[in-house]
């Protein structure tokens, strides 16, 4: 069964974008190619800052929504200390 992911990107202008995908690497490449969300298209390049995996799409989408309700400071607290090999590798 494929995994589902909620992710946070840091855009070139310092803002954050939160999204959902089943393939983080492919989605990150799409964002940086200008073929991602309209929001990120004007704020390139983007860097992967946070990823959380889920068993179901429903769980991932709910988590995405909950992150979008957070303030910038709360998002930064969430991302604090969460850099791992996965986010490091895909950000470079």
Protein backbone atom coordinates (compact mmCIF):
# COMPACT_ATOMS: atom_id res chain seq x y z
CA UNK A 1 0.00 0.00 0.00
CA UNK A 2 1.45 3.39 -0.96
CA UNK A 3 2.33 5.85 1.74
CA UNK A 4 0.75 9.26 1.92
CA UNK A 5 2.73 12.31 2.96
CA UNK A 6 2.15 15.78 4.31
CA UNK A 7 5.08 18.10 3.71
CA UNK A 8 6.21 21.66 4.34
CA UNK A 9 8.37 23.56 1.86
CA UNK A 10 10.32 26.72 2.49
CA UNK A 11 9.97 28.99 -0.50
CA UNK A 12 12.65 31.25 -1.93
CA UNK A 13 11.02 34.27 -0.27
CA UNK A 14 11.08 32.61 3.16
CA UNK A 15 7.39 31.70 3.29
CA UNK A 16 6.09 28.18 3.91
CA UNK A 17 3.90 25.99 1.74
CA UNK A 18 2.17 22.88 3.08
CA UNK A 19 0.98 20.11 0.77
CA UNK A 20 0.01 16.47 0.32
CA UNK A 21 1.53 13.84 -1.98
CA UNK A 22 2.20 10.14 -2.44
CA UNK A 23 5.67 10.77 -3.90
CA UNK A 24 7.69 13.44 -2.09
CA UNK A 25 10.68 13.39 -4.43
CA UNK A 26 8.55 13.73 -7.57
CA UNK A 27 6.45 16.48 -6.01
CA UNK A 28 9.51 18.45 -4.90
CA UNK A 29 10.94 18.25 -8.42
CA UNK A 30 7.60 19.42 -9.84
CA UNK A 31 7.50 22.40 -7.49
CA UNK A 32 11.05 23.43 -8.40
CA UNK A 33 10.29 23.04 -12.10
CA UNK A 34 7.46 25.56 -11.75
CA UNK A 35 4.85 22.84 -12.25
CA UNK A 36 3.76 22.59 -8.63
CA UNK A 37 1.23 24.79 -6.90
CA UNK A 38 0.50 28.30 -8.14
CA UNK A 39 1.78 29.62 -4.80
CA UNK A 40 5.23 28.06 -5.13
CA UNK A 41 5.59 28.86 -8.83
CA UNK A 42 6.26 32.52 -8.03
CA UNK A 43 8.49 31.76 -5.04
CA UNK A 44 11.20 29.46 -6.39
CA UNK A 45 13.33 27.72 -5.43
CA UNK A 46 11.66 25.66 -2.72
CA UNK A 47 13.35 23.49 -0.12
CA UNK A 48 11.82 20.55 1.69
CA UNK A 49 11.71 21.27 5.42
CA UNK A 50 9.32 18.70 6.90
CA UNK A 51 7.70 15.38 5.96
CA UNK A 52 5.28 13.18 7.87
CA UNK A 53 4.01 9.85 6.49
CA UNK A 54 0.57 8.31 6.95
CA UNK A 55 -1.12 5.06 6.03
CA UNK A 56 -4.18 6.73 4.50
CA UNK A 57 -4.85 9.74 2.32
CA UNK A 58 -7.51 10.89 4.75
CA UNK A 59 -5.03 11.07 7.65
CA UNK A 60 -2.48 12.96 5.54
CA UNK A 61 -5.05 15.44 4.26
CA UNK A 62 -6.37 16.09 7.76
CA UNK A 63 -2.85 16.71 9.00
CA UNK A 64 -2.19 19.05 6.05
CA UNK A 65 -5.30 21.04 6.99
CA UNK A 66 -4.25 21.22 10.65
CA UNK A 67 -0.78 22.51 9.71
CA UNK A 68 -2.35 25.19 7.51
CA UNK A 69 -4.21 26.47 10.59
CA UNK A 70 -0.93 27.05 12.47
CA UNK A 71 0.89 30.34 12.75
CA UNK A 72 4.35 30.72 11.25
CA UNK A 73 5.90 30.39 14.71
CA UNK A 74 3.96 27.19 15.37
CA UNK A 75 5.09 25.75 12.02
CA UNK A 76 8.69 26.57 12.87
CA UNK A 77 8.31 24.85 16.24
CA UNK A 78 6.86 21.78 14.48
CA UNK A 79 9.80 21.66 12.07
CA UNK A 80 12.38 22.29 14.81
CA UNK A 81 14.73 19.35 15.07
CA UNK A 82 12.91 17.30 12.43
CA UNK A 83 15.52 17.44 9.70
CA UNK A 84 16.44 13.90 8.77
CA UNK A 85 18.26 12.15 5.95
CA UNK A 86 15.06 12.09 3.86
CA UNK A 87 14.54 15.86 3.98
CA UNK A 88 18.29 16.55 3.67
CA UNK A 89 18.66 14.34 0.60
CA UNK A 90 15.64 15.74 -1.24
CA UNK A 91 16.46 19.35 -0.43
CA UNK A 92 19.83 19.25 -2.17
